[in-house]
Amino acid sequence: MSVIGNLLRLHLVYNYHGVFGFSFGDGIILRYLLPIVGIAFIILLSLRAKSGFSLFIYGLILGGALGNIFDRVVFGRVTDFIDMGIGRWRWWTYNLADAFIVIGIFLLLFFPERRKE
């Protein structure tokens, strides 16, 4: 379904594979282990957050990661539905959880925490 012409469309896709749809066999590493390690790491970082803004950023990443791992554990797949691109050049279909993770990572890159000395 077209939302903004060919630029933004809603298109239902189920991701049965690992992170970003990558699949390296039937192993559980990319499907479960890597996201769980990432979640634990973000929790550790959030416990050491030095500002409310940093905590907000970690919350975006953690919320997205928890949403995707919940879908994977409960349904055996992640539901993706946002399709963006221009013409035949399309980005991977993704969901809001993916968007929150990517936005959070970009915010961390552009607004790194400052150490108090």
PDB file of N, CA and C in Angstrom:
ATOM      1  N   MET A   1       0.846  -1.175   0.000  1.00  0.00           N
ATOM      2  CA  MET A   1       0.000   0.000   0.000  1.00  0.00           C
ATOM      3  C   MET A   1       0.894   1.242   0.000  1.00  0.00           C
ATOM      4  N   SER A   2       0.649   2.127  -0.900  1.00  0.00           N
ATOM      5  CA  SER A   2       1.441   3.346  -1.019  1.00  0.00           C
ATOM      6  C   SER A   2       0.993   4.372   0.020  1.00  0.00           C
ATOM      7  N   VAL A   3       1.968   4.960   0.735  1.00  0.00           N
ATOM      8  CA  VAL A   3       1.687   6.011   1.713  1.00  0.00           C
ATOM      9  C   VAL A   3       2.124   7.354   1.138  1.00  0.00           C
ATOM     10  N   ILE A   4       3.363   7.418   0.660  1.00  0.00           N
ATOM     11  CA  ILE A   4       3.894   8.615  -0.001  1.00  0.00           C
ATOM     12  C   ILE A   4       4.477   8.156  -1.338  1.00  0.00           C
ATOM     13  N   GLY A   5       3.596   7.982  -2.312  1.00  0.00           N
ATOM     14  CA  GLY A   5       4.029   7.523  -3.631  1.00  0.00           C
ATOM     15  C   GLY A   5       4.851   6.259  -3.547  1.00  0.00           C
ATOM     16  N   ASN A   6       5.949   6.249  -4.278  1.00  0.00           N
ATOM     17  CA  ASN A   6       6.862   5.111  -4.269  1.00  0.00           C
ATOM     18  C   ASN A   6       7.916   5.234  -3.174  1.00  0.00           C
ATOM     19  N   LEU A   7       7.977   6.405  -2.524  1.00  0.00           N
ATOM     20  CA  LEU A   7       8.979   6.655  -1.503  1.00  0.00           C
ATOM     21  C   LEU A   7       8.726   5.855  -0.219  1.00  0.00           C
ATOM     22  N   LEU A   8       7.488   5.810   0.215  1.00  0.00           N
ATOM     23  CA  LEU A   8       7.125   5.116   1.462  1.00  0.00           C
ATOM     24  C   LEU A   8       5.898   4.255   1.222  1.00  0.00           C
ATOM     25  N   ARG A   9       6.073   2.968   1.436  1.00  0.00           N
ATOM     26  CA  ARG A   9       4.983   2.012   1.244  1.00  0.00           C
ATOM     27  C   ARG A   9       4.884   1.112   2.463  1.00  0.00           C
ATOM     28  N   LEU A  10       3.697   0.594   2.705  1.00  0.00           N
ATOM     29  CA  LEU A  10       3.491  -0.427   3.726  1.00  0.00           C
ATOM     30  C   LEU A  10       3.428  -1.772   3.014  1.00  0.00           C
ATOM     31  N   HIS A  11       4.303  -2.673   3.437  1.00  0.00           N
ATOM     32  CA  HIS A  11       4.417  -3.972   2.779  1.00  0.00           C
ATOM     33  C   HIS A  11       4.761  -5.011   3.847  1.00  0.00           C
ATOM     34  N   LEU A  12       3.870  -5.961   4.071  1.00  0.00           N
ATOM     35  CA  LEU A  12       4.052  -6.961   5.126  1.00  0.00           C
ATOM     36  C   LEU A  12       5.098  -8.001   4.731  1.00  0.00           C
ATOM     37  N   VAL A  13       6.109  -8.147   5.611  1.00  0.00           N
ATOM     38  CA  VAL A  13       7.169  -9.134   5.405  1.00  0.00           C
ATOM     39  C   VAL A  13       7.474  -9.771   6.755  1.00  0.00           C
ATOM     40  N   TYR A  14       7.672 -11.080   6.776  1.00  0.00           N
ATOM     41  CA  TYR A  14       8.056 -11.775   7.996  1.00  0.00           C
ATOM     42  C   TYR A  14       9.540 -12.128   7.918  1.00  0.00           C
ATOM     43  N   ASN A  15      10.290 -11.742   8.936  1.00  0.00           N
ATOM     44  CA  ASN A  15      11.718 -12.027   9.008  1.00  0.00           C
ATOM     45  C   ASN A  15      11.912 -13.227   9.931  1.00  0.00           C
ATOM     46  N   TYR A  16      12.196 -14.368   9.343  1.00  0.00           N
ATOM     47  CA  TYR A  16      12.435 -15.594  10.117  1.00  0.00           C
ATOM     48  C   TYR A  16      13.914 -15.771  10.431  1.00  0.00           C
ATOM     49  N   HIS A  17      14.734 -14.876   9.908  1.00  0.00           N
ATOM     50  CA  HIS A  17      16.177 -15.001  10.060  1.00  0.00           C
ATOM     51  C   HIS A  17      16.665 -14.174  11.237  1.00  0.00           C
ATOM     52  N   GLY A  18      17.936 -13.833  11.209  1.00  0.00           N
ATOM     53  CA  GLY A  18      18.545 -13.101  12.310  1.00  0.00           C
ATOM     54  C   GLY A  18      18.493 -11.601  12.119  1.00  0.00           C
ATOM     55  N   VAL A  19      19.393 -10.916  12.763  1.00  0.00           N
ATOM     56  CA  VAL A  19      19.470  -9.467  12.743  1.00  0.00           C
ATOM     57  C   VAL A  19      19.590  -8.975  11.299  1.00  0.00           C
ATOM     58  N   PHE A  20      18.785  -8.003  10.906  1.00  0.00           N
ATOM     59  CA  PHE A  20      18.735  -7.439   9.555  1.00  0.00           C
ATOM     60  C   PHE A  20      18.450  -8.497   8.492  1.00  0.00           C
ATOM     61  N   GLY A  21      17.840  -9.600   8.891  1.00  0.00           N
ATOM     62  CA  GLY A  21      17.476 -10.639   7.941  1.00  0.00           C
ATOM     63  C   GLY A  21      18.613 -11.539   7.512  1.00  0.00           C
ATOM     64  N   PHE A  22      19.792 -11.354   8.103  1.00  0.00           N
ATOM     65  CA  PHE A  22      20.928 -12.202   7.759  1.00  0.00           C
ATOM     66  C   PHE A  22      20.724 -13.593   8.328  1.00  0.00           C
ATOM     67  N   SER A  23      21.073 -14.584   7.549  1.00  0.00           N
ATOM     68  CA  SER A  23      20.929 -15.958   7.991  1.00  0.00           C
ATOM     69  C   SER A  23      22.234 -16.697   7.746  1.00  0.00           C
ATOM     70  N   PHE A  24      22.742 -17.291   8.778  1.00  0.00           N
ATOM     71  CA  PHE A  24      23.944 -18.117   8.672  1.00  0.00           C
ATOM     72  C   PHE A  24      23.608 -19.522   9.156  1.00  0.00           C
ATOM     73  N   GLY A  25      22.694 -20.167   8.458  1.00  0.00           N
ATOM     74  CA  GLY A  25      22.276 -21.505   8.837  1.00  0.00           C
ATOM     75  C   GLY A  25      21.158 -21.468   9.854  1.00  0.00           C
ATOM     76  N   ASP A  26      20.979 -22.595  10.512  1.00  0.00           N
ATOM     77  CA  ASP A  26      19.884 -22.743  11.464  1.00  0.00           C
ATOM     78  C   ASP A  26      20.268 -22.367  12.889  1.00  0.00           C
ATOM     79  N   GLY A  27      21.467 -21.869  13.089  1.00  0.00           N
ATOM     80  CA  GLY A  27      21.946 -21.565  14.434  1.00  0.00           C
ATOM     81  C   GLY A  27      21.126 -20.495  15.136  1.00  0.00           C
ATOM     82  N   ILE A  28      21.219 -20.492  16.451  1.00  0.00           N
ATOM     83  CA  ILE A  28      20.449 -19.536  17.248  1.00  0.00           C
ATOM     84  C   ILE A  28      21.240 -18.268  17.552  1.00  0.00           C
ATOM     85  N   ILE A  29      22.494 -18.209  17.115  1.00  0.00           N
ATOM     86  CA  ILE A  29      23.346 -17.086  17.497  1.00  0.00           C
ATOM     87  C   ILE A  29      22.766 -15.763  17.023  1.00  0.00           C
ATOM     88  N   LEU A  30      22.491 -15.617  15.732  1.00  0.00           N
ATOM     89  CA  LEU A  30      21.976 -14.340  15.233  1.00  0.00           C
ATOM     90  C   LEU A  30      20.517 -14.120  15.590  1.00  0.00           C
ATOM     91  N   ARG A  31      19.782 -15.189  15.812  1.00  0.00           N
ATOM     92  CA  ARG A  31      18.361 -15.023  16.132  1.00  0.00           C
ATOM     93  C   ARG A  31      18.110 -14.671  17.586  1.00  0.00           C
ATOM     94  N   TYR A  32      18.859 -15.271  18.485  1.00  0.00           N
ATOM     95  CA  TYR A  32      18.563 -15.092  19.909  1.00  0.00           C
ATOM     96  C   TYR A  32      19.752 -14.596  20.723  1.00  0.00           C
ATOM     97  N   LEU A  33      20.885 -15.238  20.569  1.00  0.00           N
ATOM     98  CA  LEU A  33      22.029 -14.948  21.431  1.00  0.00           C
ATOM     99  C   LEU A  33      22.566 -13.536  21.231  1.00  0.00           C
ATOM    100  N   LEU A  34      22.786 -13.125  19.988  1.00  0.00           N
ATOM    101  CA  LEU A  34      23.305 -11.793  19.714  1.00  0.00           C
ATOM    102  C   LEU A  34      22.366 -10.693  20.226  1.00  0.00           C
ATOM    103  N   PRO A  35      21.052 -10.767  19.974  1.00  0.00           N
ATOM    104  CA  PRO A  35      20.164  -9.745  20.540  1.00  0.00           C
ATOM    105  C   PRO A  35      20.145  -9.735  22.065  1.00  0.00           C
ATOM    106  N   ILE A  36      20.209 -10.886  22.695  1.00  0.00           N
ATOM    107  CA  ILE A  36      20.189 -10.934  24.163  1.00  0.00           C
ATOM    108  C   ILE A  36      21.465 -10.322  24.738  1.00  0.00           C
ATOM    109  N   VAL A  37      22.608 -10.603  24.112  1.00  0.00           N
ATOM    110  CA  VAL A  37      23.863  -9.981  24.542  1.00  0.00           C
ATOM    111  C   VAL A  37      23.779  -8.469  24.351  1.00  0.00           C
ATOM    112  N   GLY A  38      23.221  -8.027  23.222  1.00  0.00           N
ATOM    113  CA  GLY A  38      23.042  -6.605  22.978  1.00  0.00           C
ATOM    114  C   GLY A  38      22.138  -5.948  24.004  1.00  0.00           C
ATOM    115  N   ILE A  39      21.059  -6.610  24.370  1.00  0.00           N
ATOM    116  CA  ILE A  39      20.134  -6.091  25.384  1.00  0.00           C
ATOM    117  C   ILE A  39      20.846  -5.949  26.724  1.00  0.00           C
ATOM    118  N   ALA A  40      21.612  -6.963  27.098  1.00  0.00           N
ATOM    119  CA  ALA A  40      22.350  -6.899  28.367  1.00  0.00           C
ATOM    120  C   ALA A  40      23.351  -5.745  28.349  1.00  0.00           C
ATOM    121  N   PHE A  41      24.015  -5.538  27.232  1.00  0.00           N
ATOM    122  CA  PHE A  41      24.990  -4.455  27.103  1.00  0.00           C
ATOM    123  C   PHE A  41      24.307  -3.091  27.224  1.00  0.00           C
ATOM    124  N   ILE A  42      23.172  -2.913  26.586  1.00  0.00           N
ATOM    125  CA  ILE A  42      22.448  -1.641  26.659  1.00  0.00           C
ATOM    126  C   ILE A  42      21.935  -1.399  28.079  1.00  0.00           C
ATOM    127  N   ILE A  43      21.502  -2.438  28.756  1.00  0.00           N
ATOM    128  CA  ILE A  43      21.079  -2.280  30.158  1.00  0.00           C
ATOM    129  C   ILE A  43      22.259  -1.817  30.999  1.00  0.00           C
ATOM    130  N   LEU A  44      23.422  -2.432  30.796  1.00  0.00           N
ATOM    131  CA  LEU A  44      24.624  -2.024  31.530  1.00  0.00           C
ATOM    132  C   LEU A  44      24.961  -0.563  31.247  1.00  0.00           C
ATOM    133  N   LEU A  45      24.919  -0.157  29.981  1.00  0.00           N
ATOM    134  CA  LEU A  45      25.200   1.233  29.638  1.00  0.00           C
ATOM    135  C   LEU A  45      24.174   2.176  30.258  1.00  0.00           C
ATOM    136  N   SER A  46      22.917   1.784  30.255  1.00  0.00           N
ATOM    137  CA  SER A  46      21.887   2.666  30.800  1.00  0.00           C
ATOM    138  C   SER A  46      22.031   2.838  32.306  1.00  0.00           C
ATOM    139  N   LEU A  47      22.555   1.836  32.985  1.00  0.00           N
ATOM    140  CA  LEU A  47      22.785   1.956  34.430  1.00  0.00           C
ATOM    141  C   LEU A  47      23.899   2.952  34.733  1.00  0.00           C
ATOM    142  N   ARG A  48      24.744   3.188  33.745  1.00  0.00           N
ATOM    143  CA  ARG A  48      25.848   4.137  33.916  1.00  0.00           C
ATOM    144  C   ARG A  48      25.581   5.477  33.230  1.00  0.00           C
ATOM    145  N   ALA A  49      24.360   5.687  32.754  1.00  0.00           N
ATOM    146  CA  ALA A  49      24.020   6.912  32.023  1.00  0.00           C
ATOM    147  C   ALA A  49      24.258   8.126  32.900  1.00  0.00           C
ATOM    148  N   LYS A  50      24.784   9.176  32.282  1.00  0.00           N
ATOM    149  CA  LYS A  50      25.130  10.394  33.013  1.00  0.00           C
ATOM    150  C   LYS A  50      24.106  11.500  32.826  1.00  0.00           C
ATOM    151  N   SER A  51      23.103  11.282  31.979  1.00  0.00           N
ATOM    152  CA  SER A  51      22.088  12.305  31.775  1.00  0.00           C
ATOM    153  C   SER A  51      20.767  11.661  31.393  1.00  0.00           C
ATOM    154  N   GLY A  52      19.716  12.440  31.525  1.00  0.00           N
ATOM    155  CA  GLY A  52      18.399  11.965  31.127  1.00  0.00           C
ATOM    156  C   GLY A  52      18.318  11.715  29.632  1.00  0.00           C
ATOM    157  N   PHE A  53      19.022  12.555  28.858  1.00  0.00           N
ATOM    158  CA  PHE A  53      19.023  12.365  27.404  1.00  0.00           C
ATOM    159  C   PHE A  53      19.694  11.043  27.024  1.00  0.00           C
ATOM    160  N   SER A  54      20.785  10.712  27.684  1.00  0.00           N
ATOM    161  CA  SER A  54      21.453   9.429  27.431  1.00  0.00           C
ATOM    162  C   SER A  54      20.537   8.271  27.796  1.00  0.00           C
ATOM    163  N   LEU A  55      19.840   8.409  28.893  1.00  0.00           N
ATOM    164  CA  LEU A  55      18.902   7.369  29.310  1.00  0.00           C
ATOM    165  C   LEU A  55      17.783   7.202  28.285  1.00  0.00           C
ATOM    166  N   PHE A  56      17.325   8.323  27.733  1.00  0.00           N
ATOM    167  CA  PHE A  56      16.310   8.284  26.681  1.00  0.00           C
ATOM    168  C   PHE A  56      16.829   7.528  25.460  1.00  0.00           C
ATOM    169  N   ILE A  57      18.061   7.812  25.063  1.00  0.00           N
ATOM    170  CA  ILE A  57      18.659   7.141  23.910  1.00  0.00           C
ATOM    171  C   ILE A  57      18.761   5.638  24.156  1.00  0.00           C
ATOM    172  N   TYR A  58      19.246   5.260  25.332  1.00  0.00           N
ATOM    173  CA  TYR A  58      19.342   3.832  25.652  1.00  0.00           C
ATOM    174  C   TYR A  58      17.953   3.195  25.697  1.00  0.00           C
ATOM    175  N   GLY A  59      16.970   3.957  26.137  1.00  0.00           N
ATOM    176  CA  GLY A  59      15.598   3.457  26.158  1.00  0.00           C
ATOM    177  C   GLY A  59      15.072   3.174  24.758  1.00  0.00           C
ATOM    178  N   LEU A  60      15.399   4.044  23.795  1.00  0.00           N
ATOM    179  CA  LEU A  60      15.003   3.798  22.403  1.00  0.00           C
ATOM    180  C   LEU A  60      15.593   2.481  21.903  1.00  0.00           C
ATOM    181  N   ILE A  61      16.879   2.317  22.129  1.00  0.00           N
ATOM    182  CA  ILE A  61      17.565   1.115  21.648  1.00  0.00           C
ATOM    183  C   ILE A  61      17.037  -0.126  22.363  1.00  0.00           C
ATOM    184  N   LEU A  62      16.905  -0.031  23.676  1.00  0.00           N
ATOM    185  CA  LEU A  62      16.429  -1.172  24.461  1.00  0.00           C
ATOM    186  C   LEU A  62      15.002  -1.544  24.101  1.00  0.00           C
ATOM    187  N   GLY A  63      14.140  -0.539  23.943  1.00  0.00           N
ATOM    188  CA  GLY A  63      12.752  -0.821  23.569  1.00  0.00           C
ATOM    189  C   GLY A  63      12.656  -1.520  22.224  1.00  0.00           C
ATOM    190  N   GLY A  64      13.424  -1.050  21.262  1.00  0.00           N
ATOM    191  CA  GLY A  64      13.423  -1.691  19.949  1.00  0.00           C
ATOM    192  C   GLY A  64      13.944  -3.118  20.012  1.00  0.00           C
ATOM    193  N   ALA A  65      15.027  -3.310  20.733  1.00  0.00           N
ATOM    194  CA  ALA A  65      15.615  -4.655  20.846  1.00  0.00           C
ATOM    195  C   ALA A  65      14.667  -5.614  21.569  1.00  0.00           C
ATOM    196  N   LEU A  66      14.040  -5.142  22.636  1.00  0.00           N
ATOM    197  CA  LEU A  66      13.089  -5.994  23.371  1.00  0.00           C
ATOM    198  C   LEU A  66      11.874  -6.330  22.512  1.00  0.00           C
ATOM    199  N   GLY A  67      11.402  -5.352  21.736  1.00  0.00           N
ATOM    200  CA  GLY A  67      10.264  -5.610  20.856  1.00  0.00           C
ATOM    201  C   GLY A  67      10.575  -6.684  19.826  1.00  0.00           C
ATOM    202  N   ASN A  68      11.746  -6.597  19.221  1.00  0.00           N
ATOM    203  CA  ASN A  68      12.115  -7.592  18.212  1.00  0.00           C
ATOM    204  C   ASN A  68      12.359  -8.966  18.824  1.00  0.00           C
ATOM    205  N   ILE A  69      13.023  -9.024  19.973  1.00  0.00           N
ATOM    206  CA  ILE A  69      13.281 -10.337  20.574  1.00  0.00           C
ATOM    207  C   ILE A  69      11.983 -10.967  21.077  1.00  0.00           C
ATOM    208  N   PHE A  70      11.053 -10.130  21.544  1.00  0.00           N
ATOM    209  CA  PHE A  70       9.734 -10.643  21.956  1.00  0.00           C
ATOM    210  C   PHE A  70       9.036 -11.297  20.767  1.00  0.00           C
ATOM    211  N   ASP A  71       8.987 -10.602  19.642  1.00  0.00           N
ATOM    212  CA  ASP A  71       8.373 -11.178  18.437  1.00  0.00           C
ATOM    213  C   ASP A  71       9.044 -12.481  18.046  1.00  0.00           C
ATOM    214  N   ARG A  72      10.368 -12.500  18.094  1.00  0.00           N
ATOM    215  CA  ARG A  72      11.097 -13.692  17.671  1.00  0.00           C
ATOM    216  C   ARG A  72      10.821 -14.879  18.599  1.00  0.00           C
ATOM    217  N   VAL A  73      10.772 -14.625  19.913  1.00  0.00           N
ATOM    218  CA  VAL A  73      10.542 -15.715  20.872  1.00  0.00           C
ATOM    219  C   VAL A  73       9.091 -16.194  20.819  1.00  0.00           C
ATOM    220  N   VAL A  74       8.139 -15.264  20.802  1.00  0.00           N
ATOM    221  CA  VAL A  74       6.724 -15.627  20.860  1.00  0.00           C
ATOM    222  C   VAL A  74       6.200 -16.139  19.527  1.00  0.00           C
ATOM    223  N   PHE A  75       6.543 -15.468  18.426  1.00  0.00           N
ATOM    224  CA  PHE A  75       5.977 -15.806  17.130  1.00  0.00           C
ATOM    225  C   PHE A  75       6.948 -16.543  16.205  1.00  0.00           C
ATOM    226  N   GLY A  76       8.228 -16.594  16.580  1.00  0.00           N
ATOM    227  CA  GLY A  76       9.219 -17.254  15.742  1.00  0.00           C
ATOM    228  C   GLY A  76       9.664 -16.418  14.561  1.00  0.00           C
ATOM    229  N   ARG A  77       9.258 -15.157  14.547  1.00  0.00           N
ATOM    230  CA  ARG A  77       9.602 -14.258  13.443  1.00  0.00           C
ATOM    231  C   ARG A  77       9.408 -12.823  13.899  1.00  0.00           C
ATOM    232  N   VAL A  78       9.971 -11.896  13.128  1.00  0.00           N
ATOM    233  CA  VAL A  78       9.758 -10.472  13.368  1.00  0.00           C
ATOM    234  C   VAL A  78       8.937  -9.948  12.198  1.00  0.00           C
ATOM    235  N   THR A  79       7.902  -9.182  12.497  1.00  0.00           N
ATOM    236  CA  THR A  79       7.036  -8.618  11.470  1.00  0.00           C
ATOM    237  C   THR A  79       7.573  -7.262  11.034  1.00  0.00           C
ATOM    238  N   ASP A  80       7.911  -7.139   9.770  1.00  0.00           N
ATOM    239  CA  ASP A  80       8.389  -5.886   9.192  1.00  0.00           C
ATOM    240  C   ASP A  80       7.332  -5.382   8.212  1.00  0.00           C
ATOM    241  N   PHE A  81       7.236  -4.054   8.071  1.00  0.00           N
ATOM    242  CA  PHE A  81       6.169  -3.531   7.220  1.00  0.00           C
ATOM    243  C   PHE A  81       6.473  -2.176   6.588  1.00  0.00           C
ATOM    244  N   ILE A  82       7.573  -1.530   6.916  1.00  0.00           N
ATOM    245  CA  ILE A  82       7.891  -0.222   6.358  1.00  0.00           C
ATOM    246  C   ILE A  82       8.879  -0.412   5.214  1.00  0.00           C
ATOM    247  N   ASP A  83       8.467   0.007   4.021  1.00  0.00           N
ATOM    248  CA  ASP A  83       9.262  -0.162   2.803  1.00  0.00           C
ATOM    249  C   ASP A  83       9.577   1.225   2.254  1.00  0.00           C
ATOM    250  N   MET A  84      10.854   1.608   2.247  1.00  0.00           N
ATOM    251  CA  MET A  84      11.265   2.930   1.772  1.00  0.00           C
ATOM    252  C   MET A  84      12.277   2.796   0.643  1.00  0.00           C
ATOM    253  N   GLY A  85      12.240   3.757  -0.264  1.00  0.00           N
ATOM    254  CA  GLY A  85      13.216   3.779  -1.334  1.00  0.00           C
ATOM    255  C   GLY A  85      12.762   4.655  -2.472  1.00  0.00           C
ATOM    256  N   ILE A  86      13.592   4.705  -3.478  1.00  0.00           N
ATOM    257  CA  ILE A  86      13.287   5.478  -4.674  1.00  0.00           C
ATOM    258  C   ILE A  86      13.388   4.525  -5.852  1.00  0.00           C
ATOM    259  N   GLY A  87      12.270   4.328  -6.523  1.00  0.00           N
ATOM    260  CA  GLY A  87      12.254   3.423  -7.671  1.00  0.00           C
ATOM    261  C   GLY A  87      12.637   2.012  -7.278  1.00  0.00           C
ATOM    262  N   ARG A  88      13.619   1.482  -8.003  1.00  0.00           N
ATOM    263  CA  ARG A  88      14.048   0.110  -7.700  1.00  0.00           C
ATOM    264  C   ARG A  88      15.070   0.055  -6.575  1.00  0.00           C
ATOM    265  N   TRP A  89      15.561   1.200  -6.124  1.00  0.00           N
ATOM    266  CA  TRP A  89      16.506   1.237  -5.014  1.00  0.00           C
ATOM    267  C   TRP A  89      15.733   1.331  -3.718  1.00  0.00           C
ATOM    268  N   ARG A  90      15.638   0.202  -3.017  1.00  0.00           N
ATOM    269  CA  ARG A  90      14.828   0.102  -1.811  1.00  0.00           C
ATOM    270  C   ARG A  90      15.728  -0.235  -0.634  1.00  0.00           C
ATOM    271  N   TRP A  91      15.361   0.256   0.533  1.00  0.00           N
ATOM    272  CA  TRP A  91      15.996  -0.131   1.780  1.00  0.00           C
ATOM    273  C   TRP A  91      15.359  -1.432   2.217  1.00  0.00           C
ATOM    274  N   TRP A  92      15.980  -2.145   3.138  1.00  0.00           N
ATOM    275  CA  TRP A  92      15.343  -3.347   3.665  1.00  0.00           C
ATOM    276  C   TRP A  92      14.022  -2.956   4.327  1.00  0.00           C
ATOM    277  N   THR A  93      13.044  -3.816   4.225  1.00  0.00           N
ATOM    278  CA  THR A  93      11.774  -3.585   4.908  1.00  0.00           C
ATOM    279  C   THR A  93      12.028  -3.733   6.396  1.00  0.00           C
ATOM    280  N   TYR A  94      11.491  -2.807   7.178  1.00  0.00           N
ATOM    281  CA  TYR A  94      11.777  -2.783   8.612  1.00  0.00           C
ATOM    282  C   TYR A  94      10.514  -2.442   9.396  1.00  0.00           C
ATOM    283  N   ASN A  95      10.634  -2.425  10.736  1.00  0.00           N
ATOM    284  CA  ASN A  95       9.512  -2.084  11.599  1.00  0.00           C
ATOM    285  C   ASN A  95       9.909  -0.933  12.522  1.00  0.00           C
ATOM    286  N   LEU A  96       9.004  -0.505  13.376  1.00  0.00           N
ATOM    287  CA  LEU A  96       9.292   0.613  14.270  1.00  0.00           C
ATOM    288  C   LEU A  96      10.390   0.277  15.272  1.00  0.00           C
ATOM    289  N   ALA A  97      10.449  -0.969  15.723  1.00  0.00           N
ATOM    290  CA  ALA A  97      11.506  -1.363  16.652  1.00  0.00           C
ATOM    291  C   ALA A  97      12.881  -1.165  16.007  1.00  0.00           C
ATOM    292  N   ASP A  98      13.004  -1.567  14.752  1.00  0.00           N
ATOM    293  CA  ASP A  98      14.259  -1.360  14.022  1.00  0.00           C
ATOM    294  C   ASP A  98      14.575   0.129  13.919  1.00  0.00           C
ATOM    295  N   ALA A  99      13.550   0.929  13.621  1.00  0.00           N
ATOM    296  CA  ALA A  99      13.751   2.374  13.485  1.00  0.00           C
ATOM    297  C   ALA A  99      14.233   2.976  14.808  1.00  0.00           C
ATOM    298  N   PHE A 100      13.650   2.554  15.929  1.00  0.00           N
ATOM    299  CA  PHE A 100      14.077   3.077  17.235  1.00  0.00           C
ATOM    300  C   PHE A 100      15.528   2.714  17.526  1.00  0.00           C
ATOM    301  N   ILE A 101      15.924   1.497  17.181  1.00  0.00           N
ATOM    302  CA  ILE A 101      17.310   1.069  17.400  1.00  0.00           C
ATOM    303  C   ILE A 101      18.260   1.938  16.570  1.00  0.00           C
ATOM    304  N   VAL A 102      17.953   2.120  15.299  1.00  0.00           N
ATOM    305  CA  VAL A 102      18.828   2.895  14.415  1.00  0.00           C
ATOM    306  C   VAL A 102      18.870   4.361  14.840  1.00  0.00           C
ATOM    307  N   ILE A 103      17.727   4.936  15.172  1.00  0.00           N
ATOM    308  CA  ILE A 103      17.692   6.326  15.643  1.00  0.00           C
ATOM    309  C   ILE A 103      18.524   6.470  16.911  1.00  0.00           C
ATOM    310  N   GLY A 104      18.381   5.531  17.844  1.00  0.00           N
ATOM    311  CA  GLY A 104      19.155   5.568  19.083  1.00  0.00           C
ATOM    312  C   GLY A 104      20.654   5.488  18.827  1.00  0.00           C
ATOM    313  N   ILE A 105      21.053   4.624  17.916  1.00  0.00           N
ATOM    314  CA  ILE A 105      22.481   4.490  17.606  1.00  0.00           C
ATOM    315  C   ILE A 105      23.014   5.775  16.974  1.00  0.00           C
ATOM    316  N   PHE A 106      22.260   6.363  16.051  1.00  0.00           N
ATOM    317  CA  PHE A 106      22.695   7.631  15.453  1.00  0.00           C
ATOM    318  C   PHE A 106      22.787   8.735  16.498  1.00  0.00           C
ATOM    319  N   LEU A 107      21.830   8.790  17.422  1.00  0.00           N
ATOM    320  CA  LEU A 107      21.893   9.793  18.481  1.00  0.00           C
ATOM    321  C   LEU A 107      23.129   9.595  19.355  1.00  0.00           C
ATOM    322  N   LEU A 108      23.473   8.334  19.634  1.00  0.00           N
ATOM    323  CA  LEU A 108      24.693   8.057  20.404  1.00  0.00           C
ATOM    324  C   LEU A 108      25.935   8.529  19.653  1.00  0.00           C
ATOM    325  N   LEU A 109      25.943   8.357  18.338  1.00  0.00           N
ATOM    326  CA  LEU A 109      27.091   8.788  17.546  1.00  0.00           C
ATOM    327  C   LEU A 109      27.207  10.306  17.492  1.00  0.00           C
ATOM    328  N   PHE A 110      26.080  10.985  17.367  1.00  0.00           N
ATOM    329  CA  PHE A 110      26.101  12.442  17.229  1.00  0.00           C
ATOM    330  C   PHE A 110      26.137  13.188  18.560  1.00  0.00           C
ATOM    331  N   PHE A 111      25.661  12.538  19.624  1.00  0.00           N
ATOM    332  CA  PHE A 111      25.649  13.163  20.949  1.00  0.00           C
ATOM    333  C   PHE A 111      26.249  12.215  21.976  1.00  0.00           C
ATOM    334  N   PRO A 112      27.547  11.931  21.866  1.00  0.00           N
ATOM    335  CA  PRO A 112      28.165  10.998  22.820  1.00  0.00           C
ATOM    336  C   PRO A 112      28.138  11.552  24.227  1.00  0.00           C
ATOM    337  N   GLU A 113      28.110  10.658  25.196  1.00  0.00           N
ATOM    338  CA  GLU A 113      28.144  11.087  26.600  1.00  0.00           C
ATOM    339  C   GLU A 113      29.497  11.697  26.907  1.00  0.00           C
ATOM    340  N   ARG A 114      29.486  12.749  27.639  1.00  0.00           N
ATOM    341  CA  ARG A 114      30.721  13.398  28.076  1.00  0.00           C
ATOM    342  C   ARG A 114      31.080  12.871  29.455  1.00  0.00           C
ATOM    343  N   ARG A 115      32.333  12.512  29.615  1.00  0.00           N
ATOM    344  CA  ARG A 115      32.803  12.074  30.932  1.00  0.00           C
ATOM    345  C   ARG A 115      33.073  13.270  31.804  1.00  0.00           C
ATOM    346  N   LYS A 116      32.599  13.187  33.022  1.00  0.00           N
ATOM    347  CA  LYS A 116      32.872  14.276  33.975  1.00  0.00           C
ATOM    348  C   LYS A 116      34.215  14.002  34.629  1.00  0.00           C
ATOM    349  N   GLU A 117      35.070  15.005  34.600  1.00  0.00           N
ATOM    350  CA  GLU A 117      36.412  14.813  35.178  1.00  0.00           C
ATOM    351  C   GLU A 117      36.615  15.723  36.348  1.00  0.00           C
TER     352      GLU A 117
END
